[in-house]
Amino acid sequence: MQSRRNASDLKSVLADKIAPAIEEVKAFRKQHGNTKVGEITVDMMYGGMRSMKGLVTETSVLDAEEGIRFRGYTIPECQELLPKAPGGDEPLPEGLFWLLVTGEIPTEEQVRGLSAEWADRAALPSHVVTMLNNFPSTMHPMSQFAAAIAALNTESKFAQAYSEGIHKSKYWDPTFEDSMNMIAKLPVVAATIYNNLYRDGATPCPIDPAKDWSENFCAMIEYGDPMFTELMRLYLTIHRFVLFIFCSDLFESDGN
């Protein structure tokens, strides 16, 4: 019950931000829609699109000198400000997800609730488990991972809502649900693949709702060293912006 309440807290915070953000984008585009933001040269295109402004984003900025910032915060600042596991020194990925989605530093209670919510959503449908267990050991782990993600389309709330004619202004709601479900299931998918390849097919241990996202992943692949768990928390926090792609359209939609 606690996890549901905290999850709705995140969704409520996001819901309160969606409408004003849409109106802000509409007004900005109306005023500046024809404004040029730069020039692109052939050298830029051949040089890996360096210095080319090609996408509006408020979630992260990657500077060639300073490095990455998440919602304006550097990695050291995130390490200092984001909630940590009891006795831990590194931030929890759940905290960075909250920051990316809302633009706000979460409380420890909010992060614990998000951990519990992801644990509650983590179970894989049987057809995905069967598929992963039937893949040959010669199949590349990332190919298996991509196949599992595609197979999870059967659980998509957005696909169902879209087929029922949901209005574009409401896309964010099932997108949020799909994002939460997908992120929750990723450690189980990865652990199943790892165990099939390197642990003689050992079934990942059940998700523990008392553990955070990273700790559950480490337990499922049978790495119990606390230092390794801390390393995974930091690693997954830094790479959290990749998973945030699932939610990136929430603020970019103009609601039409």
Protein backbone atom coordinates (compact mmCIF):
# COMPACT_ATOMS: atom_id res chain seq x y z
CA MET A 1 0.00 0.00 0.00
CA GLN A 2 2.83 2.35 0.86
CA SER A 3 4.49 1.81 -2.55
CA ARG A 4 1.27 2.65 -4.39
CA ARG A 5 0.88 5.88 -2.44
CA ASN A 6 4.45 6.96 -3.15
CA ALA A 7 4.16 6.02 -6.83
CA SER A 8 1.04 8.15 -7.11
CA ASP A 9 3.04 10.95 -5.47
CA LEU A 10 5.47 10.88 -8.41
CA LYS A 11 2.63 10.72 -10.90
CA SER A 12 0.80 13.53 -9.12
CA VAL A 13 3.89 15.73 -9.10
CA LEU A 14 4.32 15.04 -12.80
CA ALA A 15 0.64 15.62 -13.59
CA ASP A 16 0.80 19.04 -11.94
CA LYS A 17 3.73 19.97 -14.21
CA ILE A 18 2.42 18.64 -17.53
CA ALA A 19 -0.26 21.22 -18.31
CA PRO A 20 1.88 24.31 -17.48
CA ALA A 21 4.80 22.85 -19.45
CA ILE A 22 2.61 22.26 -22.50
CA GLU A 23 1.31 25.81 -22.36
CA GLU A 24 4.84 27.16 -21.96
CA VAL A 25 6.03 25.27 -25.04
CA LYS A 26 3.02 26.42 -27.05
CA ALA A 27 3.67 30.06 -26.15
CA PHE A 28 7.39 29.79 -26.82
CA ARG A 29 6.84 28.18 -30.23
CA LYS A 30 4.24 30.77 -31.15
CA GLN A 31 6.64 33.59 -30.34
CA HIS A 32 9.90 32.10 -31.59
CA GLY A 33 8.86 29.34 -34.02
CA ASN A 34 10.68 30.91 -36.99
CA THR A 35 13.80 31.95 -35.05
CA LYS A 36 17.07 30.44 -36.27
CA VAL A 37 19.23 28.94 -33.51
CA GLY A 38 22.46 28.38 -35.43
CA GLU A 39 24.17 27.33 -38.63
CA ILE A 40 25.26 23.85 -39.63
CA THR A 41 28.35 23.16 -41.72
CA VAL A 42 29.40 20.04 -43.59
CA ASP A 43 32.36 19.64 -41.22
CA MET A 44 29.95 19.53 -38.28
CA MET A 45 27.97 16.73 -39.90
CA TYR A 46 31.09 14.70 -40.66
CA GLY A 47 32.52 15.43 -37.23
CA GLY A 48 29.83 13.64 -35.28
CA MET A 49 27.29 16.49 -35.09
CA ARG A 50 29.44 18.39 -32.61
CA SER A 51 28.07 21.79 -31.58
CA MET A 52 24.84 21.19 -33.51
CA LYS A 53 21.64 22.14 -31.73
CA GLY A 54 19.20 19.49 -32.91
CA LEU A 55 16.90 18.68 -30.03
CA VAL A 56 15.15 20.54 -27.23
CA THR A 57 15.89 18.92 -23.87
CA GLU A 58 15.58 20.09 -20.29
CA THR A 59 16.76 16.90 -18.64
CA SER A 60 20.50 16.76 -19.30
CA VAL A 61 23.29 18.74 -20.93
CA LEU A 62 26.63 17.30 -22.02
CA ASP A 63 29.40 19.87 -22.19
CA ALA A 64 32.73 19.02 -23.79
CA GLU A 65 34.66 20.66 -20.95
CA GLU A 66 32.43 20.44 -17.89
CA GLY A 67 30.83 17.07 -18.51
CA ILE A 68 27.20 16.09 -18.00
CA ARG A 69 24.61 17.88 -15.91
CA PHE A 70 21.29 16.36 -14.91
CA ARG A 71 18.63 19.06 -14.57
CA GLY A 72 21.48 21.50 -13.94
CA TYR A 73 23.29 19.32 -11.37
CA THR A 74 26.77 17.91 -11.93
CA ILE A 75 27.56 14.29 -11.05
CA PRO A 76 29.36 15.31 -7.81
CA GLU A 77 26.35 17.44 -6.86
CA CYS A 78 24.02 14.51 -7.54
CA GLN A 79 26.26 12.31 -5.39
CA GLU A 80 25.90 14.80 -2.56
CA LEU A 81 22.21 15.71 -2.85
CA LEU A 82 20.37 12.57 -3.95
CA PRO A 83 19.16 10.07 -1.32
CA LYS A 84 21.34 7.07 -0.58
CA ALA A 85 20.74 3.57 0.72
CA PRO A 86 21.11 3.15 4.51
CA GLY A 87 24.84 3.05 5.19
CA GLY A 88 25.65 3.77 1.54
CA ASP A 89 27.72 6.57 0.05
CA GLU A 90 26.44 6.62 -3.53
CA PRO A 91 23.10 7.97 -4.77
CA LEU A 92 20.26 5.68 -5.72
CA PRO A 93 19.23 5.59 -9.40
CA GLU A 94 15.62 6.01 -8.24
CA GLY A 95 16.55 9.48 -7.02
CA LEU A 96 18.00 10.55 -10.34
CA PHE A 97 14.92 9.22 -12.14
CA TRP A 98 12.74 11.37 -9.89
CA LEU A 99 15.00 14.36 -10.57
CA LEU A 100 14.89 13.86 -14.34
CA VAL A 101 11.13 13.43 -14.43
CA THR A 102 10.19 16.28 -12.09
CA GLY A 103 13.21 18.58 -11.98
CA GLU A 104 13.19 18.28 -8.17
CA ILE A 105 15.49 16.58 -5.68
CA PRO A 106 13.37 13.84 -4.05
CA THR A 107 13.09 13.08 -0.37
CA GLU A 108 14.26 9.78 1.08
CA GLU A 109 10.64 8.74 1.57
CA GLN A 110 9.84 9.41 -2.08
CA VAL A 111 12.84 7.39 -3.24
CA ARG A 112 12.04 4.47 -0.93
CA GLY A 113 8.50 4.48 -2.27
CA LEU A 114 9.78 4.42 -5.85
CA SER A 115 12.05 1.47 -5.02
CA ALA A 116 9.09 -0.42 -3.61
CA GLU A 117 6.93 0.45 -6.61
CA TRP A 118 9.49 -0.85 -9.07
CA ALA A 119 9.80 -4.03 -7.02
CA ASP A 120 6.02 -4.40 -7.23
CA ARG A 121 6.08 -4.03 -11.03
CA ALA A 122 9.15 -6.21 -11.70
CA ALA A 123 7.61 -9.59 -12.58
CA LEU A 124 8.05 -10.74 -16.17
CA PRO A 125 5.21 -12.35 -18.14
CA SER A 126 5.74 -16.08 -18.59
CA HIS A 127 6.17 -15.87 -22.37
CA VAL A 128 9.17 -13.55 -21.98
CA VAL A 129 10.80 -15.84 -19.41
CA THR A 130 10.24 -18.85 -21.69
CA MET A 131 11.69 -16.98 -24.65
CA LEU A 132 14.83 -15.95 -22.75
CA ASN A 133 15.36 -19.47 -21.43
CA ASN A 134 15.09 -20.91 -24.93
CA PHE A 135 17.65 -18.63 -26.54
CA PRO A 136 20.92 -20.38 -27.52
CA SER A 137 24.00 -19.48 -25.50
CA THR A 138 25.65 -18.26 -28.72
CA MET A 139 23.12 -15.42 -29.04
CA HIS A 140 24.63 -12.09 -28.01
CA PRO A 141 23.35 -10.82 -24.64
CA MET A 142 22.28 -7.49 -26.12
CA SER A 143 20.32 -9.26 -28.84
CA GLN A 144 18.53 -11.22 -26.14
CA PHE A 145 17.93 -8.02 -24.19
CA ALA A 146 16.48 -6.21 -27.22
CA ALA A 147 14.24 -9.19 -28.03
CA ALA A 148 12.89 -9.24 -24.48
CA ILE A 149 12.14 -5.52 -24.55
CA ALA A 150 10.26 -5.94 -27.83
CA ALA A 151 8.34 -8.95 -26.45
CA LEU A 152 7.19 -6.87 -23.48
CA ASN A 153 5.05 -4.90 -25.91
CA THR A 154 2.28 -7.30 -24.88
CA GLU A 155 2.14 -5.43 -21.56
CA SER A 156 2.07 -1.92 -23.05
CA LYS A 157 -0.53 0.40 -21.55
CA PHE A 158 0.17 2.95 -24.27
CA ALA A 159 -0.42 0.46 -27.09
CA GLN A 160 -3.76 -0.44 -25.56
CA ALA A 161 -4.77 3.19 -24.99
CA TYR A 162 -3.66 4.18 -28.50
CA SER A 163 -5.75 1.42 -30.05
CA GLU A 164 -8.71 2.74 -28.08
CA GLY A 165 -8.23 6.25 -29.49
CA ILE A 166 -6.67 8.11 -26.57
CA HIS A 167 -6.24 11.85 -27.22
CA LYS A 168 -2.67 13.07 -27.73
CA SER A 169 -2.94 15.36 -24.73
CA LYS A 170 -3.29 12.24 -22.55
CA TYR A 171 -0.38 10.30 -24.06
CA TRP A 172 1.78 11.07 -21.03
CA ASP A 173 -0.34 8.93 -18.68
CA PRO A 174 0.11 5.48 -20.34
CA THR A 175 3.64 6.52 -21.33
CA PHE A 176 4.40 7.05 -17.65
CA GLU A 177 2.93 3.64 -16.79
CA ASP A 178 4.93 1.90 -19.54
CA SER A 179 8.10 3.68 -18.43
CA MET A 180 7.64 2.62 -14.83
CA ASN A 181 6.86 -0.97 -15.82
CA MET A 182 9.76 -1.22 -18.24
CA ILE A 183 12.34 0.19 -15.85
CA ALA A 184 11.07 -2.13 -13.11
CA LYS A 185 11.49 -5.19 -15.33
CA LEU A 186 14.90 -4.37 -16.82
CA PRO A 187 16.96 -5.84 -13.94
CA VAL A 188 15.00 -9.10 -14.10
CA VAL A 189 15.55 -9.33 -17.86
CA ALA A 190 19.27 -8.60 -17.50
CA ALA A 191 19.67 -11.02 -14.58
CA THR A 192 17.87 -13.81 -16.44
CA ILE A 193 20.17 -13.39 -19.44
CA TYR A 194 23.28 -13.23 -17.24
CA ASN A 195 22.33 -16.28 -15.22
CA ASN A 196 21.52 -18.29 -18.35
CA LEU A 197 24.93 -17.49 -19.80
CA TYR A 198 27.15 -17.53 -16.72
CA ARG A 199 25.24 -19.18 -13.84
CA ASP A 200 24.09 -22.41 -15.51
CA GLY A 201 20.58 -21.07 -15.93
CA ALA A 202 19.98 -20.29 -12.26
CA THR A 203 16.58 -18.70 -11.74
CA PRO A 204 16.98 -15.15 -10.39
CA CYS A 205 15.96 -14.89 -6.75
CA PRO A 206 12.60 -13.22 -6.08
CA ILE A 207 12.50 -9.43 -5.96
CA ASP A 208 12.70 -8.12 -2.39
CA PRO A 209 10.46 -5.06 -1.92
CA ALA A 210 12.68 -3.95 0.96
CA LYS A 211 15.69 -3.61 -1.36
CA ASP A 212 16.42 -0.83 -3.81
CA TRP A 213 16.53 -1.31 -7.60
CA SER A 214 20.30 -1.82 -7.83
CA GLU A 215 20.50 -4.06 -4.77
CA ASN A 216 17.83 -6.35 -6.18
CA PHE A 217 19.75 -6.65 -9.44
CA CYS A 218 22.97 -7.55 -7.62
CA ALA A 219 21.11 -10.16 -5.57
CA MET A 220 19.60 -11.73 -8.69
CA ILE A 221 23.04 -12.23 -10.26
CA GLU A 222 24.44 -13.40 -6.91
CA TYR A 223 26.87 -10.56 -6.29
CA GLY A 224 26.46 -9.79 -2.60
CA ASP A 225 29.57 -7.69 -2.03
CA PRO A 226 28.34 -4.35 -0.58
CA MET A 227 31.07 -2.46 -2.45
CA PHE A 228 29.92 -3.97 -5.75
CA THR A 229 26.34 -2.97 -4.94
CA GLU A 230 27.50 0.59 -4.25
CA LEU A 231 29.40 0.57 -7.54
CA MET A 232 26.26 -0.53 -9.39
CA ARG A 233 24.21 2.21 -7.71
CA LEU A 234 26.64 4.86 -8.94
CA TYR A 235 27.00 3.27 -12.40
CA LEU A 236 23.25 2.97 -12.90
CA THR A 237 22.69 6.49 -11.56
CA ILE A 238 25.10 7.98 -14.09
CA HIS A 239 23.49 5.97 -16.89
CA ARG A 240 19.94 6.64 -15.72
CA PHE A 241 19.43 9.31 -18.39
CA VAL A 242 19.45 6.54 -21.02
CA LEU A 243 16.44 4.92 -19.38
CA PHE A 244 14.84 8.32 -19.07
CA ILE A 245 14.36 8.25 -22.85
CA PHE A 246 11.21 6.25 -22.11
CA CYS A 247 9.75 9.37 -20.46
CA SER A 248 11.40 12.05 -22.60
CA ASP A 249 8.24 12.97 -24.50
CA LEU A 250 6.28 13.91 -21.38
CA PHE A 251 7.37 17.56 -21.50
CA GLU A 252 8.01 17.82 -25.24
CA SER A 253 4.43 17.17 -26.41
CA ASP A 254 2.44 20.28 -27.33
CA GLY A 255 -0.78 18.51 -26.35
CA ASN A 256 -2.39 18.63 -29.82
